[in-house]
Amino acid sequence: MTSPIVLQCSQLAKQFSDGDLKTDVLSDINFSVHKGDRIAIVGSSGSGKSTLLHLLGGLDQPSRGTVEIHGKDINALSVNSLSKLRNQSLGFVYQFHHLLPEFSALENVAIPLIIGGESPKSAQQQAEELLIKVGLGHRLIHKPSELSGGERQRTALARALITKPDCLLADEPTGNLDNKTAQAIFDLILEMNESLGTALLIVTHDMGLASQMERTLSLIDGKLHKSS
């Protein structure tokens, strides 16, 4: 039995304009992400990998084509409806952690639940449980400036997974880390994929990480190709 489709894009394209100069970054991108999938998208620097991830997450709008989350065209939704759908269905991890500097690790991880309507007490309890699971039970009250690079990225991963999203979008999630820490972070992502059934869509230039996924797609000249 085929798993349900979480995320789907059809004939997705993105063009940037600078005066009369128009540059096609992406063209005719078509693929689906099913529940529990593990997909890597690889490509050279500047190939449009991050642009694609931003389109899929509703952080930018395509020039053409559609992106659907659970069958809903995200670019046809109101800002509030899109924010709610993203909060419930997607998790984001970036190369830079984007943690809020004035809040502790615990508060940073709890924020998505509070935005989603959970009480602060319940949100912080769940955040603590997840931070313990990612090995940061001893760093709950520390602010990002007091955490190492690996600890900040684990905090960002916990924040992305706290809502138990159907799909995790990760943009070079281990790009700023040493090899040992990078593999530890990646192992945590795979563990969450198995335990929660969260689909993984990871953009990376690291072929070692990509090889641990079930499917690898290459972004070349604005088009996606199946990797051999």
C-alpha atoms as a PDB file:
ATOM      1  CA  MET A   1       0.000   0.000   0.000  1.00  0.00           C
ATOM      2  CA  THR A   2       1.404   3.396  -1.018  1.00  0.00           C
ATOM      3  CA  SER A   3       1.888   5.900   1.781  1.00  0.00           C
ATOM      4  CA  PRO A   4      -0.150   9.113   1.551  1.00  0.00           C
ATOM      5  CA  ILE A   5       1.353  12.085  -0.271  1.00  0.00           C
ATOM      6  CA  VAL A   6       2.437  14.837   2.108  1.00  0.00           C
ATOM      7  CA  LEU A   7       4.019  17.294  -0.303  1.00  0.00           C
ATOM      8  CA  GLN A   8       3.715  17.567  -4.076  1.00  0.00           C
ATOM      9  CA  CYS A   9       4.850  20.036  -6.696  1.00  0.00           C
ATOM     10  CA  SER A  10       3.783  20.253 -10.341  1.00  0.00           C
ATOM     11  CA  GLN A  11       5.580  22.115 -13.139  1.00  0.00           C
ATOM     12  CA  LEU A  12       7.230  24.334 -10.544  1.00  0.00           C
ATOM     13  CA  ALA A  13       9.355  27.159 -11.943  1.00  0.00           C
ATOM     14  CA  LYS A  14      11.165  30.185 -10.552  1.00  0.00           C
ATOM     15  CA  GLN A  15      12.515  33.098 -12.548  1.00  0.00           C
ATOM     16  CA  PHE A  16      14.383  36.076 -11.142  1.00  0.00           C
ATOM     17  CA  SER A  17      14.376  39.435 -12.905  1.00  0.00           C
ATOM     18  CA  ASP A  18      16.968  42.203 -12.757  1.00  0.00           C
ATOM     19  CA  GLY A  19      15.797  44.951 -15.081  1.00  0.00           C
ATOM     20  CA  ASP A  20      15.579  43.406 -18.537  1.00  0.00           C
ATOM     21  CA  LEU A  21      17.667  40.425 -17.491  1.00  0.00           C
ATOM     22  CA  LYS A  22      15.631  37.335 -16.622  1.00  0.00           C
ATOM     23  CA  THR A  23      17.217  34.246 -15.124  1.00  0.00           C
ATOM     24  CA  ASP A  24      15.466  30.879 -14.938  1.00  0.00           C
ATOM     25  CA  VAL A  25      16.601  29.219 -11.716  1.00  0.00           C
ATOM     26  CA  LEU A  26      14.112  26.342 -11.709  1.00  0.00           C
ATOM     27  CA  SER A  27      11.928  24.943 -14.488  1.00  0.00           C
ATOM     28  CA  ASP A  28       9.294  22.193 -14.661  1.00  0.00           C
ATOM     29  CA  ILE A  29      10.005  20.593 -11.290  1.00  0.00           C
ATOM     30  CA  ASN A  30       7.669  17.662 -10.642  1.00  0.00           C
ATOM     31  CA  PHE A  31       7.846  15.262  -7.696  1.00  0.00           C
ATOM     32  CA  SER A  32       5.985  13.967  -4.659  1.00  0.00           C
ATOM     33  CA  VAL A  33       6.979  13.291  -1.071  1.00  0.00           C
ATOM     34  CA  HIS A  34       5.125  10.471   0.686  1.00  0.00           C
ATOM     35  CA  LYS A  35       4.863   9.914   4.415  1.00  0.00           C
ATOM     36  CA  GLY A  36       8.084   8.371   5.715  1.00  0.00           C
ATOM     37  CA  ASP A  37      10.101   9.107   2.542  1.00  0.00           C
ATOM     38  CA  ARG A  38      13.816   9.909   2.828  1.00  0.00           C
ATOM     39  CA  ILE A  39      14.893  12.072  -0.123  1.00  0.00           C
ATOM     40  CA  ALA A  40      18.102  13.989  -0.742  1.00  0.00           C
ATOM     41  CA  ILE A  41      18.412  16.770  -3.306  1.00  0.00           C
ATOM     42  CA  VAL A  42      21.988  17.416  -4.378  1.00  0.00           C
ATOM     43  CA  GLY A  43      23.538  19.956  -6.705  1.00  0.00           C
ATOM     44  CA  SER A  44      26.380  22.392  -7.073  1.00  0.00           C
ATOM     45  CA  SER A  45      26.483  25.720  -5.255  1.00  0.00           C
ATOM     46  CA  GLY A  46      24.059  28.142  -6.888  1.00  0.00           C
ATOM     47  CA  SER A  47      22.045  25.416  -8.592  1.00  0.00           C
ATOM     48  CA  GLY A  48      18.805  26.519  -6.920  1.00  0.00           C
ATOM     49  CA  LYS A  49      18.553  23.920  -4.137  1.00  0.00           C
ATOM     50  CA  SER A  50      17.709  26.443  -1.422  1.00  0.00           C
ATOM     51  CA  THR A  51      15.314  28.270  -3.741  1.00  0.00           C
ATOM     52  CA  LEU A  52      13.452  25.005  -4.331  1.00  0.00           C
ATOM     53  CA  LEU A  53      13.206  24.314  -0.603  1.00  0.00           C
ATOM     54  CA  HIS A  54      11.867  27.828   0.023  1.00  0.00           C
ATOM     55  CA  LEU A  55       9.181  27.300  -2.623  1.00  0.00           C
ATOM     56  CA  LEU A  56       8.193  23.927  -1.158  1.00  0.00           C
ATOM     57  CA  GLY A  57       7.925  25.424   2.314  1.00  0.00           C
ATOM     58  CA  GLY A  58       5.856  28.400   1.220  1.00  0.00           C
ATOM     59  CA  LEU A  59       8.635  30.856   2.088  1.00  0.00           C
ATOM     60  CA  ASP A  60       8.684  32.133  -1.502  1.00  0.00           C
ATOM     61  CA  GLN A  61       6.230  32.056  -4.406  1.00  0.00           C
ATOM     62  CA  PRO A  62       6.882  30.301  -7.711  1.00  0.00           C
ATOM     63  CA  SER A  63       6.802  32.029 -11.081  1.00  0.00           C
ATOM     64  CA  ARG A  64       4.732  29.095 -12.368  1.00  0.00           C
ATOM     65  CA  GLY A  65       3.411  25.809 -11.090  1.00  0.00           C
ATOM     66  CA  THR A  66       1.923  24.611  -7.827  1.00  0.00           C
ATOM     67  CA  VAL A  67       3.009  23.295  -4.452  1.00  0.00           C
ATOM     68  CA  GLU A  68       0.485  21.255  -2.474  1.00  0.00           C
ATOM     69  CA  ILE A  69       0.629  20.171   1.157  1.00  0.00           C
ATOM     70  CA  HIS A  70      -1.945  17.452   1.850  1.00  0.00           C
ATOM     71  CA  GLY A  71      -3.641  18.380  -1.417  1.00  0.00           C
ATOM     72  CA  LYS A  72      -3.919  22.109  -0.638  1.00  0.00           C
ATOM     73  CA  ASP A  73      -2.331  24.586  -3.034  1.00  0.00           C
ATOM     74  CA  ILE A  74      -0.272  26.596  -0.559  1.00  0.00           C
ATOM     75  CA  ASN A  75      -0.032  29.668  -2.781  1.00  0.00           C
ATOM     76  CA  ALA A  76      -3.826  29.920  -2.915  1.00  0.00           C
ATOM     77  CA  LEU A  77      -4.098  30.105   0.884  1.00  0.00           C
ATOM     78  CA  SER A  78      -4.342  33.215   3.018  1.00  0.00           C
ATOM     79  CA  VAL A  79      -1.282  34.172   5.056  1.00  0.00           C
ATOM     80  CA  ASN A  80      -2.912  32.902   8.253  1.00  0.00           C
ATOM     81  CA  SER A  81      -4.048  29.620   6.696  1.00  0.00           C
ATOM     82  CA  LEU A  82      -0.594  29.007   5.212  1.00  0.00           C
ATOM     83  CA  SER A  83       1.096  29.756   8.540  1.00  0.00           C
ATOM     84  CA  LYS A  84      -1.216  27.309  10.311  1.00  0.00           C
ATOM     85  CA  LEU A  85      -0.662  24.579   7.711  1.00  0.00           C
ATOM     86  CA  ARG A  86       3.106  25.065   7.856  1.00  0.00           C
ATOM     87  CA  ASN A  87       3.079  24.974  11.646  1.00  0.00           C
ATOM     88  CA  GLN A  88       1.118  21.707  11.680  1.00  0.00           C
ATOM     89  CA  SER A  89       2.664  19.871   8.739  1.00  0.00           C
ATOM     90  CA  LEU A  90       6.222  21.066   8.107  1.00  0.00           C
ATOM     91  CA  GLY A  91       9.432  21.343  10.084  1.00  0.00           C
ATOM     92  CA  PHE A  92      12.392  23.436   8.922  1.00  0.00           C
ATOM     93  CA  VAL A  93      16.104  23.063   9.646  1.00  0.00           C
ATOM     94  CA  TYR A  94      18.611  25.418   8.057  1.00  0.00           C
ATOM     95  CA  GLN A  95      22.392  25.526   7.774  1.00  0.00           C
ATOM     96  CA  PHE A  96      22.257  28.402  10.271  1.00  0.00           C
ATOM     97  CA  HIS A  97      20.153  27.588  13.320  1.00  0.00           C
ATOM     98  CA  HIS A  98      17.980  30.793  13.391  1.00  0.00           C
ATOM     99  CA  LEU A  99      17.316  30.379  17.109  1.00  0.00           C
ATOM    100  CA  LEU A 100      15.951  33.420  18.937  1.00  0.00           C
ATOM    101  CA  PRO A 101      18.926  34.753  20.933  1.00  0.00           C
ATOM    102  CA  GLU A 102      16.931  36.137  23.866  1.00  0.00           C
ATOM    103  CA  PHE A 103      15.245  32.815  24.637  1.00  0.00           C
ATOM    104  CA  SER A 104      16.604  29.635  26.219  1.00  0.00           C
ATOM    105  CA  ALA A 105      16.874  26.349  24.352  1.00  0.00           C
ATOM    106  CA  LEU A 106      13.704  25.189  26.117  1.00  0.00           C
ATOM    107  CA  GLU A 107      11.778  28.323  25.122  1.00  0.00           C
ATOM    108  CA  ASN A 108      13.002  28.197  21.510  1.00  0.00           C
ATOM    109  CA  VAL A 109      11.771  24.620  21.115  1.00  0.00           C
ATOM    110  CA  ALA A 110       8.432  25.322  22.831  1.00  0.00           C
ATOM    111  CA  ILE A 111       7.541  28.324  20.637  1.00  0.00           C
ATOM    112  CA  PRO A 112       6.011  26.386  17.673  1.00  0.00           C
ATOM    113  CA  LEU A 113       3.631  24.573  20.044  1.00  0.00           C
ATOM    114  CA  ILE A 114       2.609  27.803  21.749  1.00  0.00           C
ATOM    115  CA  ILE A 115       1.984  29.413  18.348  1.00  0.00           C
ATOM    116  CA  GLY A 116      -0.139  26.365  17.520  1.00  0.00           C
ATOM    117  CA  GLY A 117      -2.335  26.947  20.586  1.00  0.00           C
ATOM    118  CA  GLU A 118      -0.772  24.749  23.289  1.00  0.00           C
ATOM    119  CA  SER A 119      -0.469  26.105  26.812  1.00  0.00           C
ATOM    120  CA  PRO A 120       3.038  27.309  27.745  1.00  0.00           C
ATOM    121  CA  LYS A 121       3.233  24.663  30.486  1.00  0.00           C
ATOM    122  CA  SER A 122       2.365  21.782  28.131  1.00  0.00           C
ATOM    123  CA  ALA A 123       4.616  23.191  25.389  1.00  0.00           C
ATOM    124  CA  GLN A 124       7.615  23.462  27.719  1.00  0.00           C
ATOM    125  CA  GLN A 125       7.041  19.956  29.087  1.00  0.00           C
ATOM    126  CA  GLN A 126       7.074  18.490  25.568  1.00  0.00           C
ATOM    127  CA  ALA A 127      10.076  20.644  24.638  1.00  0.00           C
ATOM    128  CA  GLU A 128      11.995  19.357  27.647  1.00  0.00           C
ATOM    129  CA  GLU A 129      11.236  15.738  26.734  1.00  0.00           C
ATOM    130  CA  LEU A 130      12.465  16.255  23.171  1.00  0.00           C
ATOM    131  CA  LEU A 131      15.597  18.151  24.226  1.00  0.00           C
ATOM    132  CA  ILE A 132      16.437  15.290  26.574  1.00  0.00           C
ATOM    133  CA  LYS A 133      15.969  12.900  23.664  1.00  0.00           C
ATOM    134  CA  VAL A 134      18.476  14.854  21.550  1.00  0.00           C
ATOM    135  CA  GLY A 135      20.961  14.882  24.414  1.00  0.00           C
ATOM    136  CA  LEU A 136      20.420  18.412  25.706  1.00  0.00           C
ATOM    137  CA  GLY A 137      18.671  17.778  28.998  1.00  0.00           C
ATOM    138  CA  HIS A 138      21.523  19.581  30.756  1.00  0.00           C
ATOM    139  CA  ARG A 139      21.264  22.691  28.531  1.00  0.00           C
ATOM    140  CA  LEU A 140      17.574  23.577  28.853  1.00  0.00           C
ATOM    141  CA  ILE A 141      18.008  27.063  30.302  1.00  0.00           C
ATOM    142  CA  HIS A 142      21.025  28.026  28.212  1.00  0.00           C
ATOM    143  CA  LYS A 143      20.647  30.666  25.496  1.00  0.00           C
ATOM    144  CA  PRO A 144      22.012  30.071  21.977  1.00  0.00           C
ATOM    145  CA  SER A 145      25.136  32.133  22.680  1.00  0.00           C
ATOM    146  CA  GLU A 146      25.961  29.691  25.500  1.00  0.00           C
ATOM    147  CA  LEU A 147      25.654  26.593  23.290  1.00  0.00           C
ATOM    148  CA  SER A 148      28.193  24.995  20.965  1.00  0.00           C
ATOM    149  CA  GLY A 149      27.517  24.778  17.219  1.00  0.00           C
ATOM    150  CA  GLY A 150      26.363  21.178  17.523  1.00  0.00           C
ATOM    151  CA  GLU A 151      24.134  21.993  20.496  1.00  0.00           C
ATOM    152  CA  ARG A 152      22.540  24.888  18.639  1.00  0.00           C
ATOM    153  CA  GLN A 153      21.836  22.661  15.643  1.00  0.00           C
ATOM    154  CA  ARG A 154      20.345  19.947  17.865  1.00  0.00           C
ATOM    155  CA  THR A 155      18.139  22.604  19.461  1.00  0.00           C
ATOM    156  CA  ALA A 156      17.047  23.750  15.986  1.00  0.00           C
ATOM    157  CA  LEU A 157      16.290  20.132  15.068  1.00  0.00           C
ATOM    158  CA  ALA A 158      14.188  19.687  18.215  1.00  0.00           C
ATOM    159  CA  ARG A 159      12.304  22.881  17.397  1.00  0.00           C
ATOM    160  CA  ALA A 160      11.609  21.590  13.868  1.00  0.00           C
ATOM    161  CA  LEU A 161      10.314  18.254  15.162  1.00  0.00           C
ATOM    162  CA  ILE A 162       8.359  19.411  18.231  1.00  0.00           C
ATOM    163  CA  THR A 163       5.056  19.586  16.318  1.00  0.00           C
ATOM    164  CA  LYS A 164       5.601  16.064  14.939  1.00  0.00           C
ATOM    165  CA  PRO A 165       5.492  17.388  11.360  1.00  0.00           C
ATOM    166  CA  ASP A 166       4.604  15.202   8.412  1.00  0.00           C
ATOM    167  CA  CYS A 167       7.657  16.449   6.507  1.00  0.00           C
ATOM    168  CA  LEU A 168      11.008  17.890   7.561  1.00  0.00           C
ATOM    169  CA  LEU A 169      12.648  20.287   5.098  1.00  0.00           C
ATOM    170  CA  ALA A 170      16.354  20.593   5.837  1.00  0.00           C
ATOM    171  CA  ASP A 171      18.719  22.940   4.009  1.00  0.00           C
ATOM    172  CA  GLU A 172      22.355  21.851   4.505  1.00  0.00           C
ATOM    173  CA  PRO A 173      21.518  20.951   8.130  1.00  0.00           C
ATOM    174  CA  THR A 174      25.073  19.825   8.887  1.00  0.00           C
ATOM    175  CA  GLY A 175      26.975  22.279   6.684  1.00  0.00           C
ATOM    176  CA  ASN A 176      28.623  24.206   9.527  1.00  0.00           C
ATOM    177  CA  LEU A 177      29.546  21.197  11.656  1.00  0.00           C
ATOM    178  CA  ASP A 178      32.550  18.903  11.940  1.00  0.00           C
ATOM    179  CA  ASN A 179      32.151  15.392  10.519  1.00  0.00           C
ATOM    180  CA  LYS A 180      31.491  13.673  13.846  1.00  0.00           C
ATOM    181  CA  THR A 181      28.851  16.198  14.955  1.00  0.00           C
ATOM    182  CA  ALA A 182      27.324  16.240  11.465  1.00  0.00           C
ATOM    183  CA  GLN A 183      26.837  12.479  11.504  1.00  0.00           C
ATOM    184  CA  ALA A 184      25.338  12.630  15.006  1.00  0.00           C
ATOM    185  CA  ILE A 185      22.818  15.261  13.869  1.00  0.00           C
ATOM    186  CA  PHE A 186      22.016  13.226  10.764  1.00  0.00           C
ATOM    187  CA  ASP A 187      21.536  10.076  12.840  1.00  0.00           C
ATOM    188  CA  LEU A 188      19.015  11.975  14.977  1.00  0.00           C
ATOM    189  CA  ILE A 189      17.132  13.062  11.849  1.00  0.00           C
ATOM    190  CA  LEU A 190      16.979   9.451  10.610  1.00  0.00           C
ATOM    191  CA  GLU A 191      15.839   8.240  14.035  1.00  0.00           C
ATOM    192  CA  MET A 192      12.980  10.765  14.033  1.00  0.00           C
ATOM    193  CA  ASN A 193      12.074   9.636  10.518  1.00  0.00           C
ATOM    194  CA  GLU A 194      11.735   6.056  11.743  1.00  0.00           C
ATOM    195  CA  SER A 195      10.018   6.768  15.075  1.00  0.00           C
ATOM    196  CA  LEU A 196       7.583   9.467  13.907  1.00  0.00           C
ATOM    197  CA  GLY A 197       7.181   8.558  10.233  1.00  0.00           C
ATOM    198  CA  THR A 198       8.278  12.082   9.340  1.00  0.00           C
ATOM    199  CA  ALA A 199       9.216  12.406   5.668  1.00  0.00           C
ATOM    200  CA  LEU A 200      12.670  13.868   5.097  1.00  0.00           C
ATOM    201  CA  LEU A 201      13.580  16.180   2.229  1.00  0.00           C
ATOM    202  CA  ILE A 202      17.181  17.222   2.678  1.00  0.00           C
ATOM    203  CA  VAL A 203      19.182  19.561   0.484  1.00  0.00           C
ATOM    204  CA  THR A 204      22.894  18.842   0.748  1.00  0.00           C
ATOM    205  CA  HIS A 205      26.146  18.903  -1.182  1.00  0.00           C
ATOM    206  CA  ASP A 206      27.468  16.109   1.062  1.00  0.00           C
ATOM    207  CA  MET A 207      27.232  12.903  -0.983  1.00  0.00           C
ATOM    208  CA  GLY A 208      28.068  10.864   2.128  1.00  0.00           C
ATOM    209  CA  LEU A 209      24.887  12.081   3.811  1.00  0.00           C
ATOM    210  CA  ALA A 210      22.878  11.812   0.601  1.00  0.00           C
ATOM    211  CA  SER A 211      23.911   8.167   0.236  1.00  0.00           C
ATOM    212  CA  GLN A 212      22.132   7.372   3.517  1.00  0.00           C
ATOM    213  CA  MET A 213      18.791   8.433   2.082  1.00  0.00           C
ATOM    214  CA  GLU A 214      16.437   6.176   0.123  1.00  0.00           C
ATOM    215  CA  ARG A 215      16.303   8.392  -2.965  1.00  0.00           C
ATOM    216  CA  THR A 216      18.639  11.036  -4.355  1.00  0.00           C
ATOM    217  CA  LEU A 217      17.652  13.666  -6.901  1.00  0.00           C
ATOM    218  CA  SER A 218      20.155  15.942  -8.653  1.00  0.00           C
ATOM    219  CA  LEU A 219      19.344  19.543  -9.508  1.00  0.00           C
ATOM    220  CA  ILE A 220      21.121  20.401 -12.772  1.00  0.00           C
ATOM    221  CA  ASP A 221      20.387  23.434 -14.966  1.00  0.00           C
ATOM    222  CA  GLY A 222      17.178  24.116 -13.088  1.00  0.00           C
ATOM    223  CA  LYS A 223      15.750  20.619 -13.543  1.00  0.00           C
ATOM    224  CA  LEU A 224      15.560  17.601 -11.237  1.00  0.00           C
ATOM    225  CA  HIS A 225      17.103  14.325 -12.381  1.00  0.00           C
ATOM    226  CA  LYS A 226      17.124  10.916 -10.736  1.00  0.00           C
ATOM    227  CA  SER A 227      20.605  10.060  -9.571  1.00  0.00           C
ATOM    228  CA  SER A 228      21.971   6.718 -10.679  1.00  0.00           C
END
